[in-house]
Amino acid sequence: MAASTTIVTGEEEKKVSVSRHSFRQPTICYEGEILDRLLSAIKREIATARKSDISLPEKFWLKQQFSVGVNEVTRVLERMPPIPANERSSLSLKMHSTRLQVILIASDCHPRLLTKHVESLASSKKVPVVFVKDKKRGSLRLGELVKLKTAIAIGVKDKGNKFNQFISTEILHKFE
């Protein structure tokens, strides 16, 4: 089965067909100016969402909104029940388990084996994976989003709030 990868750079968007024997979802890789605009927009949305919910300290609030790190993202993915692709963007209020809306992975992670299992788990649970490609700074850029020095993987938890709507419109529309 052939999978497609969308690489977003500068003003252009290229679809690259990759031949694989697994049933993987298409992936998106952001780099260049598009990555800069996306990350600054995400930071703005995080700040806006944080201002609207100041009942918790910032560290706890970030913990409720994101799964940070390969181990935590893996743990949440393993506990997630699979859902059909057509229900990916809707949040079922009856479900008590945490769902991930999208996973951001730094492409500068070496060895690559550290994040390879996250891709296959995400594919089985129908969670989109977005690669952040910025030479040797992808993990630094992801860390800035959650007020850490570096982060190899960040999972955005599906809470059904305005931030999740922003992620749906800015990132997930590329998967459709």
C-alpha atoms as a PDB file:
ATOM      1  CA  MET A   1       0.000   0.000   0.000  1.00  0.00           C
ATOM      2  CA  ALA A   2       1.358   3.439  -0.843  1.00  0.00           C
ATOM      3  CA  ALA A   3       1.311   6.173   1.786  1.00  0.00           C
ATOM      4  CA  SER A   4       1.698   9.845   1.094  1.00  0.00           C
ATOM      5  CA  THR A   5       3.786  12.398   2.889  1.00  0.00           C
ATOM      6  CA  THR A   6       3.049  16.096   2.632  1.00  0.00           C
ATOM      7  CA  ILE A   7       6.090  18.330   2.992  1.00  0.00           C
ATOM      8  CA  VAL A   8       5.225  21.967   3.617  1.00  0.00           C
ATOM      9  CA  THR A   9       8.065  24.396   2.863  1.00  0.00           C
ATOM     10  CA  GLY A  10       7.926  28.095   2.189  1.00  0.00           C
ATOM     11  CA  GLU A  11       5.184  28.802  -0.328  1.00  0.00           C
ATOM     12  CA  GLU A  12       4.828  25.320  -1.775  1.00  0.00           C
ATOM     13  CA  GLU A  13       3.357  22.056  -0.639  1.00  0.00           C
ATOM     14  CA  LYS A  14       4.607  18.805  -2.163  1.00  0.00           C
ATOM     15  CA  LYS A  15       2.950  15.407  -1.939  1.00  0.00           C
ATOM     16  CA  VAL A  16       5.489  12.630  -2.028  1.00  0.00           C
ATOM     17  CA  SER A  17       4.254   9.100  -2.528  1.00  0.00           C
ATOM     18  CA  VAL A  18       6.121   6.563  -0.440  1.00  0.00           C
ATOM     19  CA  SER A  19       5.711   2.844  -1.035  1.00  0.00           C
ATOM     20  CA  ARG A  20       5.157   0.935   2.202  1.00  0.00           C
ATOM     21  CA  HIS A  21       3.711  -2.412   3.105  1.00  0.00           C
ATOM     22  CA  SER A  22       1.946  -1.173   6.227  1.00  0.00           C
ATOM     23  CA  PHE A  23      -1.318   0.670   6.613  1.00  0.00           C
ATOM     24  CA  ARG A  24       0.042   4.033   7.664  1.00  0.00           C
ATOM     25  CA  GLN A  25      -1.702   7.327   7.632  1.00  0.00           C
ATOM     26  CA  PRO A  26      -0.338  10.191   5.578  1.00  0.00           C
ATOM     27  CA  THR A  27       2.131  12.354   7.500  1.00  0.00           C
ATOM     28  CA  ILE A  28       2.885  16.059   7.371  1.00  0.00           C
ATOM     29  CA  CYS A  29       6.310  17.604   7.740  1.00  0.00           C
ATOM     30  CA  TYR A  30       6.524  21.354   8.405  1.00  0.00           C
ATOM     31  CA  GLU A  31       9.728  23.288   7.745  1.00  0.00           C
ATOM     32  CA  GLY A  32      10.960  26.773   6.874  1.00  0.00           C
ATOM     33  CA  GLU A  33       8.702  29.830   6.994  1.00  0.00           C
ATOM     34  CA  ILE A  34       5.549  27.741   7.244  1.00  0.00           C
ATOM     35  CA  LEU A  35       6.923  26.094  10.398  1.00  0.00           C
ATOM     36  CA  ASP A  36       7.767  29.503  11.883  1.00  0.00           C
ATOM     37  CA  ARG A  37       4.246  30.802  11.223  1.00  0.00           C
ATOM     38  CA  LEU A  38       2.622  27.624  12.541  1.00  0.00           C
ATOM     39  CA  LEU A  39       4.621  27.554  15.793  1.00  0.00           C
ATOM     40  CA  SER A  40       4.060  31.257  16.472  1.00  0.00           C
ATOM     41  CA  ALA A  41       0.308  30.779  15.839  1.00  0.00           C
ATOM     42  CA  ILE A  42       0.262  27.796  18.214  1.00  0.00           C
ATOM     43  CA  LYS A  43       2.070  29.876  20.879  1.00  0.00           C
ATOM     44  CA  ARG A  44      -0.509  32.653  20.463  1.00  0.00           C
ATOM     45  CA  GLU A  45      -3.379  30.187  20.784  1.00  0.00           C
ATOM     46  CA  ILE A  46      -1.814  28.588  23.874  1.00  0.00           C
ATOM     47  CA  ALA A  47      -1.455  32.034  25.475  1.00  0.00           C
ATOM     48  CA  THR A  48      -5.060  32.926  24.603  1.00  0.00           C
ATOM     49  CA  ALA A  49      -6.409  29.626  25.934  1.00  0.00           C
ATOM     50  CA  ARG A  50      -4.309  29.999  29.082  1.00  0.00           C
ATOM     51  CA  LYS A  51      -5.679  33.506  29.735  1.00  0.00           C
ATOM     52  CA  SER A  52      -9.237  32.205  29.525  1.00  0.00           C
ATOM     53  CA  ASP A  53      -8.510  29.465  32.110  1.00  0.00           C
ATOM     54  CA  ILE A  54      -6.294  30.825  34.879  1.00  0.00           C
ATOM     55  CA  SER A  55      -7.742  28.664  37.651  1.00  0.00           C
ATOM     56  CA  LEU A  56      -4.722  26.314  37.597  1.00  0.00           C
ATOM     57  CA  PRO A  57      -1.002  27.034  37.794  1.00  0.00           C
ATOM     58  CA  GLU A  58       0.627  27.074  34.352  1.00  0.00           C
ATOM     59  CA  LYS A  59       2.477  23.767  34.828  1.00  0.00           C
ATOM     60  CA  PHE A  60      -0.724  21.904  35.677  1.00  0.00           C
ATOM     61  CA  TRP A  61      -2.648  23.594  32.887  1.00  0.00           C
ATOM     62  CA  LEU A  62      -0.011  22.529  30.332  1.00  0.00           C
ATOM     63  CA  LYS A  63      -0.133  18.989  31.731  1.00  0.00           C
ATOM     64  CA  GLN A  64      -3.902  18.898  31.131  1.00  0.00           C
ATOM     65  CA  GLN A  65      -3.579  20.135  27.542  1.00  0.00           C
ATOM     66  CA  PHE A  66      -0.486  18.214  26.352  1.00  0.00           C
ATOM     67  CA  SER A  67       1.306  14.909  26.726  1.00  0.00           C
ATOM     68  CA  VAL A  68       4.990  15.811  26.664  1.00  0.00           C
ATOM     69  CA  GLY A  69       7.758  13.372  25.846  1.00  0.00           C
ATOM     70  CA  VAL A  70       7.963  10.084  24.010  1.00  0.00           C
ATOM     71  CA  ASN A  71       7.133   7.997  27.082  1.00  0.00           C
ATOM     72  CA  GLU A  72       4.020   9.973  28.034  1.00  0.00           C
ATOM     73  CA  VAL A  73       2.742  10.133  24.444  1.00  0.00           C
ATOM     74  CA  THR A  74       3.276   6.363  24.155  1.00  0.00           C
ATOM     75  CA  ARG A  75       1.422   5.760  27.425  1.00  0.00           C
ATOM     76  CA  VAL A  76      -1.593   7.821  26.335  1.00  0.00           C
ATOM     77  CA  LEU A  77      -1.653   6.155  22.903  1.00  0.00           C
ATOM     78  CA  GLU A  78      -1.552   2.675  24.438  1.00  0.00           C
ATOM     79  CA  ARG A  79      -4.477   3.489  26.729  1.00  0.00           C
ATOM     80  CA  MET A  80      -6.543   5.038  23.927  1.00  0.00           C
ATOM     81  CA  PRO A  81      -9.223   2.889  22.330  1.00  0.00           C
ATOM     82  CA  PRO A  82      -9.136   3.008  18.505  1.00  0.00           C
ATOM     83  CA  ILE A  83     -11.791   5.124  16.802  1.00  0.00           C
ATOM     84  CA  PRO A  84     -13.043   5.254  13.221  1.00  0.00           C
ATOM     85  CA  ALA A  85     -11.378   7.859  10.973  1.00  0.00           C
ATOM     86  CA  ASN A  86     -14.638   9.711  10.334  1.00  0.00           C
ATOM     87  CA  GLU A  87     -15.004  10.450  14.075  1.00  0.00           C
ATOM     88  CA  ARG A  88     -11.451  11.743  14.546  1.00  0.00           C
ATOM     89  CA  SER A  89     -12.309  15.412  14.994  1.00  0.00           C
ATOM     90  CA  SER A  90     -15.348  14.955  17.229  1.00  0.00           C
ATOM     91  CA  LEU A  91     -14.929  14.494  20.947  1.00  0.00           C
ATOM     92  CA  SER A  92     -17.160  11.947  22.586  1.00  0.00           C
ATOM     93  CA  LEU A  93     -18.114  13.322  25.977  1.00  0.00           C
ATOM     94  CA  LYS A  94     -19.053   9.859  27.203  1.00  0.00           C
ATOM     95  CA  MET A  95     -15.468   8.624  26.961  1.00  0.00           C
ATOM     96  CA  HIS A  96     -13.413   9.028  30.110  1.00  0.00           C
ATOM     97  CA  SER A  97     -10.049   8.129  28.619  1.00  0.00           C
ATOM     98  CA  THR A  98      -7.713  10.800  27.327  1.00  0.00           C
ATOM     99  CA  ARG A  99      -7.574  11.072  23.549  1.00  0.00           C
ATOM    100  CA  LEU A 100      -4.840  12.685  21.500  1.00  0.00           C
ATOM    101  CA  GLN A 101      -5.887  14.967  18.668  1.00  0.00           C
ATOM    102  CA  VAL A 102      -2.471  15.191  16.980  1.00  0.00           C
ATOM    103  CA  ILE A 103       1.147  14.329  17.776  1.00  0.00           C
ATOM    104  CA  LEU A 104       4.019  16.690  16.996  1.00  0.00           C
ATOM    105  CA  ILE A 105       7.409  14.980  16.631  1.00  0.00           C
ATOM    106  CA  ALA A 106      10.797  16.647  16.227  1.00  0.00           C
ATOM    107  CA  SER A 107      12.454  15.197  13.146  1.00  0.00           C
ATOM    108  CA  ASP A 108      15.944  15.880  14.518  1.00  0.00           C
ATOM    109  CA  CYS A 109      15.627  13.022  17.004  1.00  0.00           C
ATOM    110  CA  HIS A 110      18.573  10.607  16.800  1.00  0.00           C
ATOM    111  CA  PRO A 111      18.452   7.659  16.859  1.00  0.00           C
ATOM    112  CA  ARG A 112      15.234   7.640  14.870  1.00  0.00           C
ATOM    113  CA  LEU A 113      14.252   4.441  16.651  1.00  0.00           C
ATOM    114  CA  LEU A 114      13.230   6.525  19.691  1.00  0.00           C
ATOM    115  CA  THR A 115      10.086   7.753  17.931  1.00  0.00           C
ATOM    116  CA  LYS A 116       9.439   5.004  15.375  1.00  0.00           C
ATOM    117  CA  HIS A 117       7.018   3.145  17.656  1.00  0.00           C
ATOM    118  CA  VAL A 118       4.997   6.346  18.231  1.00  0.00           C
ATOM    119  CA  GLU A 119       4.278   6.576  14.495  1.00  0.00           C
ATOM    120  CA  SER A 120       2.976   3.014  14.269  1.00  0.00           C
ATOM    121  CA  LEU A 121       0.920   3.338  17.472  1.00  0.00           C
ATOM    122  CA  ALA A 122      -0.559   6.613  16.265  1.00  0.00           C
ATOM    123  CA  SER A 123      -1.426   5.007  12.961  1.00  0.00           C
ATOM    124  CA  SER A 124      -3.242   2.155  14.683  1.00  0.00           C
ATOM    125  CA  LYS A 125      -5.216   4.621  16.831  1.00  0.00           C
ATOM    126  CA  LYS A 126      -5.871   6.950  13.859  1.00  0.00           C
ATOM    127  CA  VAL A 127      -4.029   9.911  15.388  1.00  0.00           C
ATOM    128  CA  PRO A 128      -2.259  12.185  12.866  1.00  0.00           C
ATOM    129  CA  VAL A 129       1.496  12.717  13.224  1.00  0.00           C
ATOM    130  CA  VAL A 130       3.153  16.015  12.291  1.00  0.00           C
ATOM    131  CA  PHE A 131       6.929  16.233  11.930  1.00  0.00           C
ATOM    132  CA  VAL A 132       8.689  19.460  12.854  1.00  0.00           C
ATOM    133  CA  LYS A 133      11.783  19.722  10.665  1.00  0.00           C
ATOM    134  CA  ASP A 134      14.164  22.551  11.544  1.00  0.00           C
ATOM    135  CA  LYS A 135      17.722  21.346  10.911  1.00  0.00           C
ATOM    136  CA  LYS A 136      18.966  20.540  14.426  1.00  0.00           C
ATOM    137  CA  ARG A 137      16.445  22.687  16.317  1.00  0.00           C
ATOM    138  CA  GLY A 138      13.129  20.808  16.043  1.00  0.00           C
ATOM    139  CA  SER A 139      13.198  19.548  19.621  1.00  0.00           C
ATOM    140  CA  LEU A 140      14.102  23.023  20.893  1.00  0.00           C
ATOM    141  CA  ARG A 141      11.183  24.571  19.013  1.00  0.00           C
ATOM    142  CA  LEU A 142       8.744  21.981  20.393  1.00  0.00           C
ATOM    143  CA  GLY A 143      10.093  22.526  23.904  1.00  0.00           C
ATOM    144  CA  GLU A 144       9.342  26.249  23.660  1.00  0.00           C
ATOM    145  CA  LEU A 145       5.645  25.474  23.166  1.00  0.00           C
ATOM    146  CA  VAL A 146       5.358  23.769  26.553  1.00  0.00           C
ATOM    147  CA  LYS A 147       7.883  25.889  28.481  1.00  0.00           C
ATOM    148  CA  LEU A 148      10.652  23.267  28.487  1.00  0.00           C
ATOM    149  CA  LYS A 149      14.152  23.278  27.067  1.00  0.00           C
ATOM    150  CA  THR A 150      13.492  20.448  24.595  1.00  0.00           C
ATOM    151  CA  ALA A 151      10.706  18.035  23.700  1.00  0.00           C
ATOM    152  CA  ILE A 152      10.976  15.223  21.160  1.00  0.00           C
ATOM    153  CA  ALA A 153       7.235  14.503  21.077  1.00  0.00           C
ATOM    154  CA  ILE A 154       4.141  16.441  22.127  1.00  0.00           C
ATOM    155  CA  GLY A 155       0.646  15.025  22.030  1.00  0.00           C
ATOM    156  CA  VAL A 156      -2.225  17.519  21.962  1.00  0.00           C
ATOM    157  CA  LYS A 157      -5.020  16.180  24.153  1.00  0.00           C
ATOM    158  CA  ASP A 158      -8.504  16.438  22.697  1.00  0.00           C
ATOM    159  CA  LYS A 159     -10.429  18.500  25.252  1.00  0.00           C
ATOM    160  CA  GLY A 160     -12.971  20.024  22.842  1.00  0.00           C
ATOM    161  CA  ASN A 161     -11.881  23.613  23.559  1.00  0.00           C
ATOM    162  CA  LYS A 162     -10.941  26.537  21.310  1.00  0.00           C
ATOM    163  CA  PHE A 163      -7.320  25.415  21.141  1.00  0.00           C
ATOM    164  CA  ASN A 164      -8.462  22.046  19.750  1.00  0.00           C
ATOM    165  CA  GLN A 165     -10.584  23.850  17.183  1.00  0.00           C
ATOM    166  CA  PHE A 166      -7.516  25.838  16.143  1.00  0.00           C
ATOM    167  CA  ILE A 167      -5.491  22.617  15.762  1.00  0.00           C
ATOM    168  CA  SER A 168      -8.305  21.144  13.655  1.00  0.00           C
ATOM    169  CA  THR A 169      -8.398  24.099  11.287  1.00  0.00           C
ATOM    170  CA  GLU A 170      -4.649  24.783  11.038  1.00  0.00           C
ATOM    171  CA  ILE A 171      -3.122  21.295  11.075  1.00  0.00           C
ATOM    172  CA  LEU A 172      -5.695  18.545  10.638  1.00  0.00           C
ATOM    173  CA  HIS A 173      -7.279  19.962   7.477  1.00  0.00           C
ATOM    174  CA  LYS A 174      -4.067  18.870   5.683  1.00  0.00           C
ATOM    175  CA  PHE A 175      -4.939  15.233   6.457  1.00  0.00           C
ATOM    176  CA  GLU A 176      -8.274  15.354   4.680  1.00  0.00           C
END
